[in-house]
Every structure is written in structure tokens, then in C-alpha cells.
């Protein structure tokens, strides 16, 4: 459980999420406090399983809170996830500052890609492909089969040539 905090601070924190602390039942206040324990733990470890265990809450309970968005739990978890991503980014910066020629940052790089794909993920965009034409041909085949027309030799199916105008964006940006 987190350290005890005064009620005014709890009320201010709850109001940040659109909750009226004084209108909550004692059970809801206790649940909110337990949720805060999980959220605080998640912000430093990035694992729901570990966070639940550290807070003394079952993982199943956390999944119920998530499914029901109990007491704005999902929005608060988003903030905790962002804090964890910042923690990882800080680790990368510290390791880069202390990096020696033989050190390998690959594990941290992959973790950052997983946790923050919009910033660190590989970015590949295809401007133009022949996928639409292939899908159209497959639809034609499916419609033909529905009408009882069988394709005897699928190997002779003429597909459009790949479009050579594909463009990729370098993933190192």
C-alpha cells in the first residue's frame, strides 16, 4: 500500500480525474487508494503482473478495473505508462552517456520500440503496391466459385506486376 496521504491531497488528485472524493463511498475511496498503489508500482516497473503483486492486489482485479474503467483507472494507467516510458528513455540516455565501445544497447532499444512505438518504432510506409489488384483478383475467384465456376489451373492466374513505385522511410529517423 502507498504511504498514507492526507485527505485534501487525495481529494485534489481524484478531482484531476473528474472524481469527487467527498462523494465517494468509503469502499470506493479504499479502491481508489489500492488503484493508486498499482498505478504507482506500474510507473516504475512497466508490468501489470509485478505492479499488482507489489500493491497486494490480484491481477484479475486489475483486469476488472481496466475492463470497467473503474474510477477512471484507464486514464490514470495511461499516465503511469507514459511515466514508465520516460523512465526507460532516461535509462537509455544514462547508458548512452556511460557507453563504452563494447557495450550493447540492443535490449533497451527493443524495449523502447515496444513501449513507445510511435516514437521509436520502425516506420515503413508503402506508397503504392499491387495489393489492391491482388485482392480484386481473389474476390473475382471467390465469386466464380460461388457461381460454380472452378479454376482448373490456379498456377496460370495472371496477377498484376508489382508496382515499382514503393517507397520506404528509413527506420533510423
N, C-alpha and C. Protein backbone atom coordinates (compact mmCIF):
# COMPACT_ATOMS: atom_id res chain seq x y z
N UNK A 1 0.84 -1.19 0.00
CA UNK A 1 0.00 0.00 0.00
C UNK A 1 0.88 1.25 0.00
N UNK A 2 0.38 2.33 -0.64
CA UNK A 2 1.18 3.55 -0.67
C UNK A 2 1.18 4.20 0.70
N UNK A 3 2.12 5.09 0.92
CA UNK A 3 2.10 5.81 2.20
C UNK A 3 0.79 6.57 2.35
N UNK A 4 0.36 6.73 3.57
CA UNK A 4 -0.90 7.46 3.82
C UNK A 4 -0.73 8.92 3.40
N UNK A 5 -1.72 9.42 2.72
CA UNK A 5 -1.69 10.80 2.27
C UNK A 5 -2.89 11.50 2.89
N UNK A 6 -2.74 12.79 3.14
CA UNK A 6 -3.85 13.49 3.76
C UNK A 6 -5.04 13.56 2.79
N UNK A 7 -6.22 13.71 3.37
CA UNK A 7 -7.46 13.68 2.58
C UNK A 7 -7.54 14.80 1.55
N UNK A 8 -7.01 15.97 1.87
CA UNK A 8 -7.06 17.08 0.91
C UNK A 8 -6.24 16.73 -0.34
N UNK A 9 -5.11 16.10 -0.14
CA UNK A 9 -4.29 15.71 -1.29
C UNK A 9 -5.00 14.63 -2.11
N UNK A 10 -5.64 13.68 -1.44
CA UNK A 10 -6.41 12.65 -2.14
C UNK A 10 -7.54 13.30 -2.94
N UNK A 11 -8.22 14.26 -2.32
CA UNK A 11 -9.34 14.93 -2.98
C UNK A 11 -8.85 15.68 -4.21
N UNK A 12 -7.72 16.35 -4.10
CA UNK A 12 -7.16 17.10 -5.23
C UNK A 12 -6.77 16.14 -6.36
N UNK A 13 -6.12 15.04 -6.00
CA UNK A 13 -5.70 14.05 -7.01
C UNK A 13 -6.92 13.45 -7.70
N UNK A 14 -7.95 13.09 -6.94
CA UNK A 14 -9.16 12.49 -7.52
C UNK A 14 -9.87 13.49 -8.44
N UNK A 15 -9.90 14.76 -8.05
CA UNK A 15 -10.55 15.79 -8.86
C UNK A 15 -9.87 15.93 -10.21
N UNK A 16 -8.58 15.68 -10.25
CA UNK A 16 -7.83 15.74 -11.52
C UNK A 16 -8.43 14.78 -12.55
N UNK A 17 -9.05 13.71 -12.08
CA UNK A 17 -9.63 12.68 -12.96
C UNK A 17 -11.15 12.79 -13.02
N UNK A 18 -11.69 13.90 -12.54
CA UNK A 18 -13.13 14.12 -12.62
C UNK A 18 -13.90 13.39 -11.53
N UNK A 19 -13.22 13.03 -10.44
CA UNK A 19 -13.88 12.32 -9.35
C UNK A 19 -14.03 13.24 -8.14
N UNK A 20 -15.19 13.19 -7.52
CA UNK A 20 -15.43 13.96 -6.30
C UNK A 20 -15.13 13.07 -5.11
N UNK A 21 -13.97 13.28 -4.50
CA UNK A 21 -13.51 12.44 -3.40
C UNK A 21 -14.53 12.37 -2.27
N UNK A 22 -15.13 13.49 -1.98
CA UNK A 22 -16.08 13.56 -0.86
C UNK A 22 -17.39 12.84 -1.17
N UNK A 23 -17.68 12.64 -2.45
CA UNK A 23 -18.91 11.93 -2.84
C UNK A 23 -18.68 10.42 -2.92
N UNK A 24 -17.42 9.99 -2.90
CA UNK A 24 -17.13 8.55 -2.97
C UNK A 24 -17.46 7.87 -1.65
N UNK A 25 -17.92 6.65 -1.74
CA UNK A 25 -18.18 5.86 -0.53
C UNK A 25 -16.84 5.45 0.07
N UNK A 26 -16.82 5.05 1.33
CA UNK A 26 -15.56 4.57 1.92
C UNK A 26 -14.96 3.41 1.12
N UNK A 27 -15.80 2.53 0.60
CA UNK A 27 -15.32 1.42 -0.22
C UNK A 27 -14.65 1.93 -1.50
N UNK A 28 -15.27 2.92 -2.15
CA UNK A 28 -14.69 3.49 -3.38
C UNK A 28 -13.39 4.22 -3.08
N UNK A 29 -13.31 4.89 -1.94
CA UNK A 29 -12.06 5.57 -1.57
C UNK A 29 -10.94 4.55 -1.35
N UNK A 30 -11.29 3.46 -0.71
CA UNK A 30 -10.29 2.41 -0.47
C UNK A 30 -9.86 1.79 -1.80
N UNK A 31 -10.80 1.58 -2.70
CA UNK A 31 -10.48 1.03 -4.03
C UNK A 31 -9.59 2.00 -4.79
N UNK A 32 -9.91 3.28 -4.75
CA UNK A 32 -9.10 4.29 -5.42
C UNK A 32 -7.66 4.26 -4.88
N UNK A 33 -7.51 4.14 -3.58
CA UNK A 33 -6.18 4.09 -2.95
C UNK A 33 -5.43 2.83 -3.40
N UNK A 34 -6.12 1.70 -3.47
CA UNK A 34 -5.49 0.47 -3.96
C UNK A 34 -5.09 0.62 -5.43
N UNK A 35 -5.95 1.25 -6.22
CA UNK A 35 -5.61 1.51 -7.62
C UNK A 35 -4.36 2.38 -7.72
N UNK A 36 -4.29 3.39 -6.87
CA UNK A 36 -3.11 4.26 -6.88
C UNK A 36 -1.84 3.48 -6.57
N UNK A 37 -1.95 2.48 -5.69
CA UNK A 37 -0.79 1.63 -5.38
C UNK A 37 -0.33 0.88 -6.62
N UNK A 38 -1.28 0.32 -7.36
CA UNK A 38 -0.96 -0.41 -8.58
C UNK A 38 -0.36 0.54 -9.61
N UNK A 39 -0.97 1.69 -9.78
CA UNK A 39 -0.52 2.68 -10.77
C UNK A 39 0.89 3.16 -10.44
N UNK A 40 1.14 3.44 -9.18
CA UNK A 40 2.47 3.88 -8.76
C UNK A 40 3.51 2.80 -9.05
N UNK A 41 3.20 1.55 -8.73
CA UNK A 41 4.12 0.45 -8.99
C UNK A 41 4.33 0.25 -10.48
N UNK A 42 3.27 0.37 -11.26
CA UNK A 42 3.38 0.19 -12.71
C UNK A 42 4.29 1.24 -13.34
N UNK A 43 4.21 2.45 -12.84
CA UNK A 43 5.03 3.53 -13.37
C UNK A 43 6.51 3.30 -13.22
N UNK A 44 6.90 2.43 -12.28
CA UNK A 44 8.32 2.17 -12.10
C UNK A 44 8.76 0.79 -12.59
N UNK A 45 7.80 -0.09 -12.93
CA UNK A 45 8.23 -1.43 -13.40
C UNK A 45 7.69 -1.78 -14.78
N UNK A 46 6.59 -1.17 -15.22
CA UNK A 46 6.06 -1.41 -16.56
C UNK A 46 5.37 -2.74 -16.75
N UNK A 47 5.07 -3.44 -15.67
CA UNK A 47 4.43 -4.75 -15.77
C UNK A 47 3.20 -4.78 -14.86
N UNK A 48 2.03 -5.09 -15.45
CA UNK A 48 0.82 -5.19 -14.63
C UNK A 48 0.93 -6.30 -13.60
N UNK A 49 1.53 -7.41 -13.99
CA UNK A 49 1.68 -8.53 -13.07
C UNK A 49 2.51 -8.13 -11.85
N UNK A 50 3.65 -7.51 -12.10
CA UNK A 50 4.52 -7.07 -11.00
C UNK A 50 3.86 -5.96 -10.18
N UNK A 51 3.22 -5.03 -10.86
CA UNK A 51 2.59 -3.92 -10.16
C UNK A 51 1.49 -4.41 -9.23
N UNK A 52 0.67 -5.34 -9.72
CA UNK A 52 -0.39 -5.90 -8.88
C UNK A 52 0.20 -6.61 -7.67
N UNK A 53 1.23 -7.42 -7.90
CA UNK A 53 1.86 -8.15 -6.80
C UNK A 53 2.46 -7.18 -5.79
N UNK A 54 3.15 -6.15 -6.27
CA UNK A 54 3.76 -5.16 -5.36
C UNK A 54 2.72 -4.40 -4.54
N UNK A 55 1.54 -4.22 -5.12
CA UNK A 55 0.48 -3.48 -4.44
C UNK A 55 -0.42 -4.40 -3.60
N UNK A 56 -0.19 -5.72 -3.68
CA UNK A 56 -1.01 -6.65 -2.92
C UNK A 56 -2.40 -6.81 -3.48
N UNK A 57 -2.54 -6.65 -4.79
CA UNK A 57 -3.82 -6.75 -5.47
C UNK A 57 -3.73 -7.88 -6.48
N UNK A 58 -4.78 -8.64 -6.65
CA UNK A 58 -4.73 -9.72 -7.64
C UNK A 58 -4.73 -9.12 -9.05
N UNK A 59 -4.06 -9.82 -9.93
CA UNK A 59 -4.00 -9.37 -11.32
C UNK A 59 -5.41 -9.35 -11.93
N UNK A 60 -6.22 -10.29 -11.53
CA UNK A 60 -7.60 -10.35 -12.04
C UNK A 60 -8.39 -9.09 -11.66
N UNK A 61 -8.17 -8.61 -10.44
CA UNK A 61 -8.83 -7.38 -10.01
C UNK A 61 -8.42 -6.22 -10.90
N UNK A 62 -7.13 -6.15 -11.22
CA UNK A 62 -6.64 -5.07 -12.09
C UNK A 62 -7.31 -5.16 -13.46
N UNK A 63 -7.47 -6.36 -13.99
CA UNK A 63 -8.13 -6.51 -15.29
C UNK A 63 -9.61 -6.11 -15.21
N UNK A 64 -10.25 -6.36 -14.08
CA UNK A 64 -11.64 -5.90 -13.91
C UNK A 64 -11.70 -4.38 -13.90
N UNK A 65 -10.77 -3.76 -13.17
CA UNK A 65 -10.73 -2.29 -13.14
C UNK A 65 -10.56 -1.74 -14.55
N UNK A 66 -9.69 -2.40 -15.33
CA UNK A 66 -9.43 -1.95 -16.70
C UNK A 66 -10.68 -2.13 -17.56
N UNK A 67 -11.30 -3.29 -17.49
CA UNK A 67 -12.48 -3.57 -18.31
C UNK A 67 -13.62 -2.60 -18.00
N UNK A 68 -13.79 -2.28 -16.73
CA UNK A 68 -14.88 -1.40 -16.30
C UNK A 68 -14.48 0.07 -16.25
N UNK A 69 -13.19 0.35 -16.41
CA UNK A 69 -12.64 1.70 -16.25
C UNK A 69 -13.08 2.28 -14.90
N UNK A 70 -12.98 1.47 -13.88
CA UNK A 70 -13.42 1.83 -12.54
C UNK A 70 -12.64 3.05 -12.03
N UNK A 71 -13.36 4.07 -11.64
CA UNK A 71 -12.80 5.30 -11.08
C UNK A 71 -11.71 5.89 -11.99
N UNK A 72 -12.00 5.91 -13.28
CA UNK A 72 -11.09 6.48 -14.30
C UNK A 72 -9.73 5.79 -14.30
N UNK A 73 -9.74 4.50 -14.00
CA UNK A 73 -8.49 3.74 -13.88
C UNK A 73 -7.68 3.76 -15.17
N UNK A 74 -8.32 3.63 -16.32
CA UNK A 74 -7.59 3.55 -17.59
C UNK A 74 -6.81 4.83 -17.89
N UNK A 75 -7.41 5.97 -17.67
CA UNK A 75 -6.70 7.22 -17.92
C UNK A 75 -5.51 7.38 -16.98
N UNK A 76 -5.68 6.97 -15.74
CA UNK A 76 -4.58 7.06 -14.79
C UNK A 76 -3.46 6.09 -15.16
N UNK A 77 -3.83 4.91 -15.69
CA UNK A 77 -2.81 3.96 -16.14
C UNK A 77 -2.06 4.49 -17.36
N UNK A 78 -2.75 5.23 -18.23
CA UNK A 78 -2.07 5.84 -19.38
C UNK A 78 -0.96 6.78 -18.91
N UNK A 79 -1.25 7.55 -17.89
CA UNK A 79 -0.26 8.48 -17.35
C UNK A 79 0.91 7.68 -16.75
N UNK A 80 0.60 6.60 -16.05
CA UNK A 80 1.66 5.76 -15.47
C UNK A 80 2.50 5.12 -16.57
N UNK A 81 1.85 4.70 -17.65
CA UNK A 81 2.60 4.10 -18.76
C UNK A 81 3.52 5.15 -19.39
N UNK A 82 3.03 6.36 -19.52
CA UNK A 82 3.87 7.43 -20.05
C UNK A 82 5.06 7.68 -19.11
N UNK A 83 4.83 7.63 -17.81
CA UNK A 83 5.93 7.80 -16.84
C UNK A 83 6.96 6.68 -17.00
N UNK A 84 6.48 5.46 -17.22
CA UNK A 84 7.39 4.33 -17.40
C UNK A 84 8.21 4.51 -18.68
N UNK A 85 7.57 4.97 -19.73
CA UNK A 85 8.30 5.21 -20.98
C UNK A 85 9.37 6.28 -20.76
N UNK A 86 9.06 7.30 -20.00
CA UNK A 86 10.05 8.32 -19.67
C UNK A 86 11.19 7.75 -18.86
N UNK A 87 10.87 6.84 -17.94
CA UNK A 87 11.90 6.15 -17.15
C UNK A 87 12.83 5.37 -18.07
N UNK A 88 12.27 4.63 -19.03
CA UNK A 88 13.09 3.88 -19.99
C UNK A 88 13.95 4.81 -20.83
N UNK A 89 13.37 5.89 -21.26
CA UNK A 89 14.11 6.84 -22.07
C UNK A 89 15.28 7.41 -21.26
N UNK A 90 15.05 7.67 -19.98
CA UNK A 90 16.13 8.14 -19.10
C UNK A 90 17.23 7.11 -18.96
N UNK A 91 16.84 5.83 -18.87
CA UNK A 91 17.84 4.76 -18.81
C UNK A 91 18.69 4.74 -20.07
N UNK A 92 18.04 4.87 -21.21
CA UNK A 92 18.78 4.88 -22.48
C UNK A 92 19.76 6.05 -22.49
N UNK A 93 19.29 7.22 -22.09
CA UNK A 93 20.17 8.39 -22.08
C UNK A 93 21.37 8.17 -21.15
N UNK A 94 21.11 7.61 -19.95
CA UNK A 94 22.19 7.35 -19.00
C UNK A 94 23.18 6.32 -19.54
N UNK A 95 22.64 5.28 -20.17
CA UNK A 95 23.53 4.26 -20.74
C UNK A 95 24.34 4.80 -21.90
N UNK A 96 23.71 5.64 -22.71
CA UNK A 96 24.44 6.23 -23.82
C UNK A 96 25.57 7.13 -23.32
N UNK A 97 25.32 7.85 -22.24
CA UNK A 97 26.35 8.73 -21.68
C UNK A 97 27.51 7.90 -21.13
N UNK A 98 27.21 6.73 -20.59
CA UNK A 98 28.24 5.88 -19.99
C UNK A 98 28.72 4.78 -20.94
N UNK A 99 28.24 4.80 -22.16
CA UNK A 99 28.52 3.73 -23.12
C UNK A 99 30.02 3.61 -23.40
N UNK A 100 30.45 2.36 -23.40
CA UNK A 100 31.82 2.04 -23.79
C UNK A 100 31.74 1.35 -25.14
N UNK A 101 32.80 1.32 -25.88
CA UNK A 101 32.76 0.73 -27.22
C UNK A 101 32.21 -0.70 -27.27
N UNK A 102 32.41 -1.51 -26.26
CA UNK A 102 31.94 -2.89 -26.29
C UNK A 102 30.53 -3.10 -25.79
N UNK A 103 29.89 -2.07 -25.23
CA UNK A 103 28.54 -2.21 -24.68
C UNK A 103 27.51 -2.35 -25.78
N UNK A 104 26.44 -3.06 -25.47
CA UNK A 104 25.41 -3.31 -26.47
C UNK A 104 24.06 -2.82 -25.95
N UNK A 105 23.47 -1.80 -26.57
CA UNK A 105 22.20 -1.24 -26.10
C UNK A 105 20.96 -1.88 -26.73
N UNK A 106 21.11 -3.01 -27.41
CA UNK A 106 20.00 -3.57 -28.18
C UNK A 106 18.78 -3.88 -27.32
N UNK A 107 18.98 -4.45 -26.14
CA UNK A 107 17.84 -4.80 -25.28
C UNK A 107 17.01 -3.56 -24.94
N UNK A 108 17.67 -2.48 -24.56
CA UNK A 108 16.94 -1.25 -24.26
C UNK A 108 16.25 -0.69 -25.49
N UNK A 109 16.90 -0.77 -26.63
CA UNK A 109 16.30 -0.27 -27.86
C UNK A 109 15.01 -1.02 -28.17
N UNK A 110 15.06 -2.34 -28.05
CA UNK A 110 13.85 -3.11 -28.33
C UNK A 110 12.75 -2.82 -27.31
N UNK A 111 13.11 -2.61 -26.06
CA UNK A 111 12.10 -2.29 -25.05
C UNK A 111 11.45 -0.95 -25.37
N UNK A 112 12.26 0.03 -25.76
CA UNK A 112 11.69 1.32 -26.14
C UNK A 112 10.79 1.20 -27.36
N UNK A 113 11.18 0.38 -28.33
CA UNK A 113 10.32 0.19 -29.51
C UNK A 113 8.98 -0.40 -29.10
N UNK A 114 8.99 -1.33 -28.16
CA UNK A 114 7.75 -1.97 -27.72
C UNK A 114 6.88 -1.01 -26.92
N UNK A 115 7.49 -0.23 -26.05
CA UNK A 115 6.72 0.63 -25.16
C UNK A 115 6.31 1.96 -25.80
N UNK A 116 7.08 2.42 -26.79
CA UNK A 116 6.82 3.72 -27.38
C UNK A 116 6.98 3.63 -28.89
N UNK A 117 6.13 2.83 -29.56
CA UNK A 117 6.31 2.60 -31.00
C UNK A 117 6.15 3.86 -31.84
N UNK A 118 5.31 4.78 -31.40
CA UNK A 118 5.11 5.98 -32.21
C UNK A 118 6.37 6.86 -32.23
N UNK A 119 7.24 6.69 -31.25
CA UNK A 119 8.47 7.47 -31.23
C UNK A 119 9.68 6.65 -31.68
N UNK A 120 9.76 5.39 -31.25
CA UNK A 120 10.95 4.58 -31.51
C UNK A 120 10.72 3.39 -32.44
N UNK A 121 9.49 3.17 -32.84
CA UNK A 121 9.19 2.02 -33.69
C UNK A 121 9.70 2.21 -35.10
N UNK A 122 9.83 1.11 -35.80
CA UNK A 122 10.23 1.17 -37.20
C UNK A 122 9.10 1.81 -37.99
N UNK A 123 9.46 2.70 -38.88
CA UNK A 123 8.46 3.38 -39.69
C UNK A 123 8.69 3.02 -41.15
N UNK A 124 7.79 2.26 -41.68
CA UNK A 124 7.86 1.89 -43.09
C UNK A 124 6.51 2.21 -43.69
N UNK A 125 6.52 2.98 -44.74
CA UNK A 125 5.26 3.29 -45.41
C UNK A 125 5.39 2.88 -46.88
N UNK A 126 4.39 2.23 -47.35
CA UNK A 126 4.34 1.85 -48.76
C UNK A 126 3.38 2.81 -49.44
N UNK A 127 3.89 3.51 -50.39
CA UNK A 127 3.08 4.50 -51.08
C UNK A 127 2.12 3.84 -52.07
N UNK A 128 2.59 2.77 -52.71
CA UNK A 128 1.77 2.17 -53.74
C UNK A 128 2.18 0.72 -53.89
N UNK A 129 1.22 -0.18 -53.89
CA UNK A 129 1.50 -1.60 -54.08
C UNK A 129 0.45 -2.17 -55.00
N UNK A 130 0.65 -3.41 -55.35
CA UNK A 130 -0.37 -4.06 -56.18
C UNK A 130 -1.31 -4.90 -55.31
N UNK A 131 -1.33 -4.65 -54.01
CA UNK A 131 -2.18 -5.41 -53.11
C UNK A 131 -3.65 -5.27 -53.47
N UNK A 132 -4.07 -4.08 -53.85
CA UNK A 132 -5.48 -3.88 -54.21
C UNK A 132 -5.86 -4.73 -55.42
N UNK A 133 -4.98 -4.80 -56.39
CA UNK A 133 -5.26 -5.59 -57.59
C UNK A 133 -5.33 -7.08 -57.25
N UNK A 134 -4.44 -7.53 -56.37
CA UNK A 134 -4.45 -8.94 -55.96
C UNK A 134 -5.74 -9.25 -55.21
N UNK A 135 -6.14 -8.37 -54.32
CA UNK A 135 -7.40 -8.58 -53.59
C UNK A 135 -8.58 -8.62 -54.54
N UNK A 136 -8.56 -7.79 -55.53
CA UNK A 136 -9.64 -7.78 -56.51
C UNK A 136 -9.70 -9.11 -57.26
N UNK A 137 -8.54 -9.64 -57.65
CA UNK A 137 -8.50 -10.94 -58.33
C UNK A 137 -9.02 -12.05 -57.42
N UNK A 138 -8.64 -12.01 -56.14
CA UNK A 138 -9.13 -13.01 -55.20
C UNK A 138 -10.64 -12.94 -55.03
N UNK A 139 -11.18 -11.73 -55.01
CA UNK A 139 -12.64 -11.57 -54.93
C UNK A 139 -13.32 -12.15 -56.16
N UNK A 140 -12.72 -11.92 -57.33
CA UNK A 140 -13.28 -12.49 -58.56
C UNK A 140 -13.29 -14.01 -58.49
N UNK A 141 -12.20 -14.59 -58.01
CA UNK A 141 -12.13 -16.05 -57.88
C UNK A 141 -13.20 -16.57 -56.91
N UNK A 142 -13.34 -15.86 -55.79
CA UNK A 142 -14.34 -16.27 -54.80
C UNK A 142 -15.75 -16.19 -55.40
N UNK A 143 -16.05 -15.14 -56.12
CA UNK A 143 -17.36 -15.01 -56.75
C UNK A 143 -17.57 -16.11 -57.79
N UNK A 144 -16.52 -16.43 -58.53
CA UNK A 144 -16.61 -17.51 -59.52
C UNK A 144 -16.91 -18.84 -58.86
N UNK A 145 -16.30 -19.10 -57.73
CA UNK A 145 -16.56 -20.36 -57.02
C UNK A 145 -17.99 -20.40 -56.49
N UNK A 146 -18.50 -19.29 -56.07
CA UNK A 146 -19.89 -19.26 -55.59
C UNK A 146 -20.86 -19.57 -56.71
N UNK A 147 -20.49 -19.20 -57.94
CA UNK A 147 -21.35 -19.46 -59.10
C UNK A 147 -21.08 -20.84 -59.68
N UNK A 148 -20.15 -21.58 -59.07
CA UNK A 148 -19.86 -22.92 -59.55
C UNK A 148 -18.80 -22.99 -60.61
N UNK A 149 -18.12 -21.88 -60.86
CA UNK A 149 -17.05 -21.87 -61.84
C UNK A 149 -15.76 -22.23 -61.11
N UNK A 150 -15.10 -23.28 -61.53
CA UNK A 150 -13.86 -23.70 -60.89
C UNK A 150 -12.67 -23.27 -61.72
N UNK A 151 -11.65 -22.89 -61.04
CA UNK A 151 -10.41 -22.56 -61.72
C UNK A 151 -9.58 -23.83 -61.74
N UNK A 152 -9.32 -24.35 -62.93
CA UNK A 152 -8.63 -25.64 -63.04
C UNK A 152 -7.14 -25.52 -62.75
N UNK A 153 -6.52 -24.47 -63.22
CA UNK A 153 -5.09 -24.33 -63.04
C UNK A 153 -4.79 -22.98 -62.39
N UNK A 154 -4.81 -22.94 -61.05
CA UNK A 154 -4.55 -21.66 -60.39
C UNK A 154 -3.15 -21.12 -60.66
N UNK A 155 -2.22 -21.99 -61.05
CA UNK A 155 -0.86 -21.52 -61.31
C UNK A 155 -0.81 -20.60 -62.52
N UNK A 156 -1.79 -20.64 -63.39
CA UNK A 156 -1.78 -19.80 -64.58
C UNK A 156 -2.49 -18.47 -64.36
N UNK A 157 -2.93 -18.24 -63.14
CA UNK A 157 -3.62 -17.00 -62.82
C UNK A 157 -2.68 -15.83 -63.08
N UNK A 158 -3.12 -14.87 -63.86
CA UNK A 158 -2.30 -13.70 -64.19
C UNK A 158 -2.56 -12.60 -63.16
N UNK A 159 -1.56 -12.32 -62.36
CA UNK A 159 -1.66 -11.24 -61.39
C UNK A 159 -0.91 -10.03 -61.93
N UNK A 160 -1.32 -8.84 -61.52
CA UNK A 160 -0.61 -7.66 -61.98
C UNK A 160 0.83 -7.66 -61.47
N UNK A 161 1.72 -7.08 -62.23
CA UNK A 161 3.13 -6.99 -61.82
C UNK A 161 3.23 -6.06 -60.63
N UNK A 162 4.19 -6.32 -59.75
CA UNK A 162 4.36 -5.42 -58.60
C UNK A 162 4.67 -4.01 -59.07
N UNK A 163 4.15 -3.06 -58.36
CA UNK A 163 4.37 -1.66 -58.66
C UNK A 163 5.76 -1.29 -58.16
N UNK A 164 6.60 -0.79 -59.00
CA UNK A 164 7.97 -0.46 -58.62
C UNK A 164 8.08 0.92 -57.97
N UNK A 165 6.97 1.56 -57.68
CA UNK A 165 7.00 2.89 -57.08
C UNK A 165 6.89 2.84 -55.57
N UNK A 166 7.28 1.71 -54.96
CA UNK A 166 7.21 1.60 -53.50
C UNK A 166 8.27 2.50 -52.88
N UNK A 167 7.89 3.14 -51.79
CA UNK A 167 8.83 4.00 -51.08
C UNK A 167 8.85 3.58 -49.63
N UNK A 168 10.02 3.55 -49.06
CA UNK A 168 10.13 3.24 -47.65
C UNK A 168 10.84 4.40 -46.96
N UNK A 169 10.48 4.59 -45.73
CA UNK A 169 11.11 5.62 -44.93
C UNK A 169 12.15 4.95 -44.07
N UNK A 170 13.31 5.50 -43.97
CA UNK A 170 14.39 4.91 -43.20
C UNK A 170 13.96 4.81 -41.74
N UNK A 171 14.14 3.65 -41.14
CA UNK A 171 13.73 3.42 -39.76
C UNK A 171 14.65 4.10 -38.77
N UNK A 172 15.74 4.65 -39.19
CA UNK A 172 16.68 5.26 -38.25
C UNK A 172 16.34 6.70 -37.91
N UNK A 173 15.24 7.23 -38.42
CA UNK A 173 14.87 8.63 -38.13
C UNK A 173 14.47 8.79 -36.72
